[in-house]
Amino acid sequence: MSKFRWIFTFSKGHYLGLLLLILLITSAQLVIYFLQHQKTASCVILSKEEQNWLAVQSEIDSVKSAQAEEQGKIYPFNPNFITDYKGYKLGMSLTQLDKLHQYRAQDKYVNSAEEFQKLTGVSQDWLKKYAPYFKFPDWVSKSNAKKSSHNEFVQNKTIKKNTVKDINTATQEDLEAVFMIGEKLAQRIILERTKLGGFVSMEQLTLIWGISEEALQDIAKKFIVKGNPALHKIDINNASMKELSQFPYFNYTIAKNIVTYRSMHGEIKNSEDLTNVKQFPVDKIKIITLYLTF
């Protein structure tokens, strides 16, 4: 036994080696643990990113679904003008579309769902599904649509001609019937007319604030200036500054300039003298002079 005792006897160098070995093993385990912890943390971050992407993707899918639903939505349409593409989308056969197009080539129109089915041969199920979306214009004639349309145009033109009213006697309700003229704007027109005693030209409506070009076009179809309205005329040489400033086409500054001109040059004799008044609205002078006395 004494022969093998040297095997279990450690020198100082052996102890030092064992200590270094233990330190290396411990260090290696710490490094491995640290790396694994970092990997786990990165996985958690990646998982959050994936969740964010999945949330975004969910929104994208919702938008795509809404777009697909919108694309599949059917709006009212005139079956006389079904194109090849639309017919394909509606499930019509080429034969059915050819029958419709040949009929239209003869300048003829179907005027009901029953006529459409009889002409094209679509099934009852097809008709039940799409007929509720058929929209036939009132002017379409089963025999001759162009002639019917022309006759209606002439008739409407005659009616409009006979119903044109005097702008100076138009009521608020009459004015509100004009395209893009509501209650407030109608009241503004009547107030302007009251201040002036009446309009002498339809052009004056263009000077009223708030009237759009579309409204002016429509009002010109429905109203004209008839007769000679009793205008509220202003004595340009004797009116006070307050009276002048209340005139719709003047303001305080113009009224002051008119009074100043009168004091410096004497009476204003005609419209030419008005052009010498500082800041006078010469672009409206032809209309303004109709409301003045010299």
Protein backbone atom coordinates (compact mmCIF):
# COMPACT_ATOMS: atom_id res chain seq x y z
CA MET A 1 0.00 0.00 0.00
CA SER A 2 2.90 2.25 0.76
CA LYS A 3 4.02 1.71 -2.84
CA PHE A 4 0.92 3.57 -4.16
CA ARG A 5 0.81 6.29 -1.54
CA TRP A 6 2.72 8.66 -3.84
CA ILE A 7 -0.29 8.59 -6.17
CA PHE A 8 -2.49 10.28 -3.55
CA THR A 9 0.15 12.70 -2.38
CA PHE A 10 -0.25 16.22 -3.96
CA SER A 11 2.38 18.82 -4.15
CA LYS A 12 1.79 22.55 -3.99
CA GLY A 13 1.94 22.66 -7.78
CA HIS A 14 -0.79 20.03 -8.03
CA TYR A 15 -3.09 22.04 -5.79
CA LEU A 16 -2.49 25.12 -7.89
CA GLY A 17 -3.32 23.20 -11.06
CA LEU A 18 -6.53 21.87 -9.58
CA LEU A 19 -7.55 25.38 -8.54
CA LEU A 20 -6.93 26.72 -12.06
CA LEU A 21 -8.95 23.86 -13.53
CA ILE A 22 -11.89 24.60 -11.24
CA LEU A 23 -11.68 28.29 -12.17
CA LEU A 24 -11.69 27.45 -15.92
CA ILE A 25 -14.69 25.15 -15.54
CA THR A 26 -16.60 27.78 -13.52
CA SER A 27 -15.74 30.48 -16.05
CA ALA A 28 -16.88 28.28 -18.93
CA GLN A 29 -20.20 27.60 -17.19
CA LEU A 30 -20.73 31.33 -16.58
CA VAL A 31 -20.03 32.12 -20.24
CA ILE A 32 -22.43 29.42 -21.39
CA TYR A 33 -25.10 30.67 -18.99
CA PHE A 34 -24.65 34.27 -20.15
CA LEU A 35 -24.88 33.33 -23.83
CA GLN A 36 -27.99 31.26 -23.24
CA HIS A 37 -29.59 34.16 -21.33
CA GLN A 38 -28.84 36.56 -24.18
CA LYS A 39 -30.31 34.11 -26.70
CA THR A 40 -33.46 33.80 -24.60
CA ALA A 41 -33.77 37.58 -24.32
CA SER A 42 -33.31 38.02 -28.08
CA CYS A 43 -35.96 35.42 -28.66
CA VAL A 44 -38.36 37.39 -26.44
CA ILE A 45 -37.66 40.60 -28.41
CA LEU A 46 -38.12 38.80 -31.68
CA SER A 47 -41.37 37.40 -30.39
CA LYS A 48 -42.64 40.96 -29.67
CA GLU A 49 -41.60 42.07 -33.14
CA GLU A 50 -43.42 39.13 -34.61
CA GLN A 51 -46.51 40.09 -32.65
CA ASN A 52 -46.30 43.64 -33.98
CA TRP A 53 -45.95 42.36 -37.53
CA LEU A 54 -48.85 40.03 -37.00
CA ALA A 55 -50.95 42.97 -35.77
CA VAL A 56 -50.02 45.00 -38.85
CA GLN A 57 -50.74 42.04 -41.07
CA SER A 58 -54.14 41.69 -39.41
CA GLU A 59 -54.93 45.29 -40.29
CA ILE A 60 -53.77 44.72 -43.88
CA ASP A 61 -55.97 41.67 -44.13
CA SER A 62 -58.93 43.70 -42.83
CA VAL A 63 -58.33 46.39 -45.48
CA LYS A 64 -58.02 43.76 -48.19
CA SER A 65 -61.23 42.16 -47.00
CA ALA A 66 -63.04 45.52 -47.07
CA GLN A 67 -61.68 46.24 -50.56
CA ALA A 68 -62.78 42.84 -51.77
CA GLU A 69 -66.23 43.45 -50.32
CA GLU A 70 -66.39 46.88 -51.96
CA GLN A 71 -65.32 45.43 -55.31
CA GLY A 72 -68.05 42.85 -55.05
CA LYS A 73 -70.68 45.47 -54.22
CA ILE A 74 -73.26 46.04 -56.95
CA TYR A 75 -74.53 49.51 -57.76
CA PRO A 76 -77.68 50.35 -59.78
CA PHE A 77 -77.04 50.12 -63.53
CA ASN A 78 -78.86 50.35 -66.83
CA PRO A 79 -78.93 46.81 -68.27
CA ASN A 80 -79.04 48.22 -71.80
CA PHE A 81 -75.39 49.25 -71.46
CA ILE A 82 -73.83 46.11 -69.99
CA THR A 83 -70.30 45.75 -71.37
CA ASP A 84 -68.57 42.44 -72.07
CA TYR A 85 -66.50 42.83 -68.91
CA LYS A 86 -69.47 43.69 -66.70
CA GLY A 87 -71.49 40.88 -68.24
CA TYR A 88 -68.66 38.48 -67.49
CA LYS A 89 -68.56 39.71 -63.87
CA LEU A 90 -72.33 39.19 -63.62
CA GLY A 91 -72.07 35.67 -64.98
CA MET A 92 -73.66 36.22 -68.40
CA SER A 93 -72.66 34.03 -71.30
CA LEU A 94 -71.21 35.34 -74.58
CA THR A 95 -74.40 34.34 -76.38
CA GLN A 96 -76.54 36.35 -73.99
CA LEU A 97 -74.28 39.38 -74.34
CA ASP A 98 -74.27 39.11 -78.14
CA LYS A 99 -78.07 39.15 -78.19
CA LEU A 100 -78.11 42.31 -76.07
CA HIS A 101 -75.46 44.08 -78.17
CA GLN A 102 -77.15 43.15 -81.45
CA TYR A 103 -80.42 44.54 -80.12
CA ARG A 104 -78.71 47.75 -79.07
CA ALA A 105 -77.01 48.03 -82.47
CA GLN A 106 -80.53 48.46 -83.90
CA ASP A 107 -80.95 51.49 -81.62
CA LYS A 108 -83.45 49.60 -79.47
CA TYR A 109 -83.74 49.38 -75.71
CA VAL A 110 -85.30 46.99 -73.24
CA ASN A 111 -87.55 48.77 -70.81
CA SER A 112 -88.13 46.19 -68.09
CA ALA A 113 -86.53 43.20 -66.40
CA GLU A 114 -88.98 40.89 -68.18
CA GLU A 115 -87.96 42.25 -71.60
CA PHE A 116 -84.30 41.83 -70.68
CA GLN A 117 -84.83 38.18 -69.76
CA LYS A 118 -86.87 37.52 -72.89
CA LEU A 119 -84.17 39.05 -75.10
CA THR A 120 -81.05 37.57 -73.51
CA GLY A 121 -82.39 34.31 -72.08
CA VAL A 122 -80.87 34.75 -68.62
CA SER A 123 -82.20 32.36 -65.98
CA GLN A 124 -84.86 33.18 -63.45
CA ASP A 125 -82.31 32.85 -60.67
CA TRP A 126 -80.00 35.32 -62.43
CA LEU A 127 -82.88 37.75 -62.88
CA LYS A 128 -83.93 37.43 -59.26
CA LYS A 129 -80.37 38.22 -58.16
CA TYR A 130 -79.62 41.20 -60.40
CA ALA A 131 -82.97 42.67 -61.50
CA PRO A 132 -83.30 44.69 -58.25
CA TYR A 133 -80.26 46.68 -59.42
CA PHE A 134 -81.75 47.52 -62.85
CA LYS A 135 -82.22 51.25 -63.31
CA PHE A 136 -84.12 52.41 -66.39
CA PRO A 137 -84.12 56.16 -67.18
CA ASP A 138 -87.55 57.73 -67.49
CA TRP A 139 -86.92 59.03 -70.98
CA VAL A 140 -86.15 55.64 -72.52
CA SER A 141 -88.69 54.58 -75.13
CA LYS A 142 -89.11 50.93 -76.06
CA SER A 143 -89.35 51.78 -79.75
CA ASN A 144 -87.09 54.78 -80.23
CA ALA A 145 -85.09 56.19 -77.33
CA LYS A 146 -83.48 59.03 -79.25
CA LYS A 147 -86.78 60.41 -80.48
CA SER A 148 -88.27 60.17 -77.00
CA SER A 149 -85.26 61.92 -75.49
CA HIS A 150 -85.49 64.73 -78.04
CA ASN A 151 -89.20 65.19 -77.44
CA GLU A 152 -88.68 65.39 -73.69
CA PHE A 153 -85.88 67.92 -74.17
CA VAL A 154 -88.12 70.12 -76.31
CA GLN A 155 -90.96 69.76 -73.84
CA ASN A 156 -88.77 70.67 -70.86
CA LYS A 157 -87.34 73.62 -72.75
CA THR A 158 -90.85 74.92 -73.47
CA ILE A 159 -91.88 74.48 -69.84
CA LYS A 160 -88.80 76.33 -68.60
CA LYS A 161 -89.41 79.16 -71.06
CA ASN A 162 -92.98 79.59 -69.83
CA THR A 163 -92.02 79.50 -66.15
CA VAL A 164 -89.18 82.06 -66.16
CA LYS A 165 -89.87 84.55 -63.38
CA ASP A 166 -88.98 88.15 -62.63
CA ILE A 167 -85.98 88.25 -60.30
CA ASN A 168 -87.45 91.36 -58.67
CA THR A 169 -90.61 89.54 -57.57
CA ALA A 170 -89.02 86.19 -56.70
CA THR A 171 -89.88 84.90 -53.25
CA GLN A 172 -87.47 83.23 -50.87
CA GLU A 173 -88.98 79.85 -51.79
CA ASP A 174 -88.42 80.60 -55.49
CA LEU A 175 -84.78 81.37 -54.87
CA GLU A 176 -84.22 78.33 -52.66
CA ALA A 177 -85.37 76.17 -55.58
CA VAL A 178 -82.22 77.26 -57.44
CA PHE A 179 -79.29 74.84 -57.44
CA MET A 180 -76.86 75.55 -54.55
CA ILE A 181 -78.94 78.39 -53.06
CA GLY A 182 -80.12 77.79 -49.52
CA GLU A 183 -82.09 79.77 -46.98
CA LYS A 184 -79.29 82.16 -45.94
CA LEU A 185 -78.22 82.97 -49.49
CA ALA A 186 -81.82 83.49 -50.63
CA GLN A 187 -82.32 85.95 -47.76
CA ARG A 188 -79.11 87.76 -48.72
CA ILE A 189 -80.33 88.20 -52.32
CA ILE A 190 -83.69 89.59 -51.16
CA LEU A 191 -81.96 91.96 -48.71
CA GLU A 192 -79.72 93.29 -51.48
CA ARG A 193 -82.73 93.73 -53.76
CA THR A 194 -84.60 95.60 -51.01
CA LYS A 195 -81.71 98.02 -50.44
CA LEU A 196 -81.51 98.79 -54.16
CA GLY A 197 -85.24 98.86 -54.82
CA GLY A 198 -84.70 96.17 -57.44
CA PHE A 199 -82.13 94.73 -59.81
CA VAL A 200 -81.57 96.32 -63.20
CA SER A 201 -79.37 93.52 -64.50
CA MET A 202 -78.83 89.85 -63.73
CA GLU A 203 -75.15 90.72 -63.65
CA GLN A 204 -75.72 92.29 -60.22
CA LEU A 205 -76.17 88.83 -58.73
CA THR A 206 -72.51 88.11 -59.45
CA LEU A 207 -71.63 90.87 -56.96
CA ILE A 208 -73.47 89.19 -54.09
CA TRP A 209 -71.14 87.32 -51.78
CA GLY A 210 -71.52 83.55 -51.64
CA ILE A 211 -73.13 82.80 -55.01
CA SER A 212 -71.26 80.09 -56.90
CA GLU A 213 -70.86 79.85 -60.66
CA GLU A 214 -73.19 76.84 -60.73
CA ALA A 215 -75.89 78.78 -58.88
CA LEU A 216 -75.54 81.74 -61.28
CA GLN A 217 -75.95 79.44 -64.27
CA ASP A 218 -79.11 77.89 -62.82
CA ILE A 219 -80.61 81.18 -61.67
CA ALA A 220 -80.11 82.61 -65.17
CA LYS A 221 -82.31 79.80 -66.52
CA LYS A 222 -85.15 80.57 -64.13
CA PHE A 223 -85.16 84.35 -63.71
CA ILE A 224 -84.82 87.54 -65.76
CA VAL A 225 -85.27 91.26 -65.10
CA LYS A 226 -88.75 92.26 -66.27
CA GLY A 227 -90.03 95.83 -66.58
CA ASN A 228 -88.60 98.84 -64.78
CA PRO A 229 -88.30 98.36 -61.01
CA ALA A 230 -88.76 101.33 -58.66
CA LEU A 231 -85.11 101.91 -57.83
CA HIS A 232 -83.95 103.64 -54.65
CA LYS A 233 -81.88 106.43 -56.17
CA ILE A 234 -79.27 108.48 -54.34
CA ASP A 235 -78.62 112.17 -54.93
CA ILE A 236 -74.86 111.94 -55.38
CA ASN A 237 -74.36 115.66 -54.74
CA ASN A 238 -76.48 116.03 -51.60
CA ALA A 239 -76.42 112.64 -49.87
CA SER A 240 -74.60 112.56 -46.55
CA MET A 241 -71.59 110.39 -45.89
CA LYS A 242 -73.80 108.00 -43.88
CA GLU A 243 -76.34 107.68 -46.71
CA LEU A 244 -73.59 107.09 -49.24
CA SER A 245 -71.86 104.45 -47.09
CA GLN A 246 -75.14 102.51 -46.80
CA PHE A 247 -75.40 102.12 -50.57
CA PRO A 248 -74.58 98.44 -51.35
CA TYR A 249 -71.80 99.26 -53.82
CA PHE A 250 -70.09 101.85 -51.60
CA ASN A 251 -68.31 101.64 -48.26
CA TYR A 252 -67.19 104.21 -45.72
CA THR A 253 -63.94 104.99 -47.56
CA ILE A 254 -65.65 105.53 -50.93
CA ALA A 255 -68.38 107.65 -49.31
CA LYS A 256 -65.70 109.80 -47.66
CA ASN A 257 -63.85 110.20 -50.97
CA ILE A 258 -67.07 111.27 -52.74
CA VAL A 259 -67.76 113.95 -50.13
CA THR A 260 -64.13 115.09 -50.32
CA TYR A 261 -64.31 115.34 -54.11
CA ARG A 262 -67.53 117.37 -53.91
CA SER A 263 -65.97 119.85 -51.47
CA MET A 264 -62.89 120.30 -53.63
CA HIS A 265 -64.35 120.23 -57.17
CA GLY A 266 -68.00 121.13 -56.77
CA GLU A 267 -70.93 119.11 -58.06
CA ILE A 268 -70.50 115.75 -59.71
CA LYS A 269 -72.13 116.19 -63.12
CA ASN A 270 -71.88 112.74 -64.70
CA SER A 271 -70.33 109.28 -64.53
CA GLU A 272 -67.10 110.61 -65.98
CA ASP A 273 -66.63 112.74 -62.87
CA LEU A 274 -67.11 109.63 -60.74
CA THR A 275 -64.06 108.05 -62.33
CA ASN A 276 -61.99 110.83 -60.77
CA VAL A 277 -63.15 109.92 -57.26
CA LYS A 278 -60.41 108.07 -55.42
CA GLN A 279 -61.00 104.30 -55.10
CA PHE A 280 -64.36 104.51 -56.89
CA PRO A 281 -65.42 101.03 -58.21
CA VAL A 282 -65.24 101.95 -61.90
CA ASP A 283 -65.78 98.32 -62.92
CA LYS A 284 -69.36 98.65 -61.64
CA ILE A 285 -69.94 102.23 -62.78
CA LYS A 286 -72.53 101.41 -65.47
CA ILE A 287 -74.78 99.72 -62.93
CA ILE A 288 -74.08 102.20 -60.12
CA THR A 289 -75.04 105.26 -62.19
CA LEU A 290 -78.53 103.80 -62.69
CA TYR A 291 -79.07 104.24 -58.94
CA LEU A 292 -77.78 107.83 -58.84
CA THR A 293 -79.16 111.24 -59.67
CA PHE A 294 -76.84 114.11 -60.63
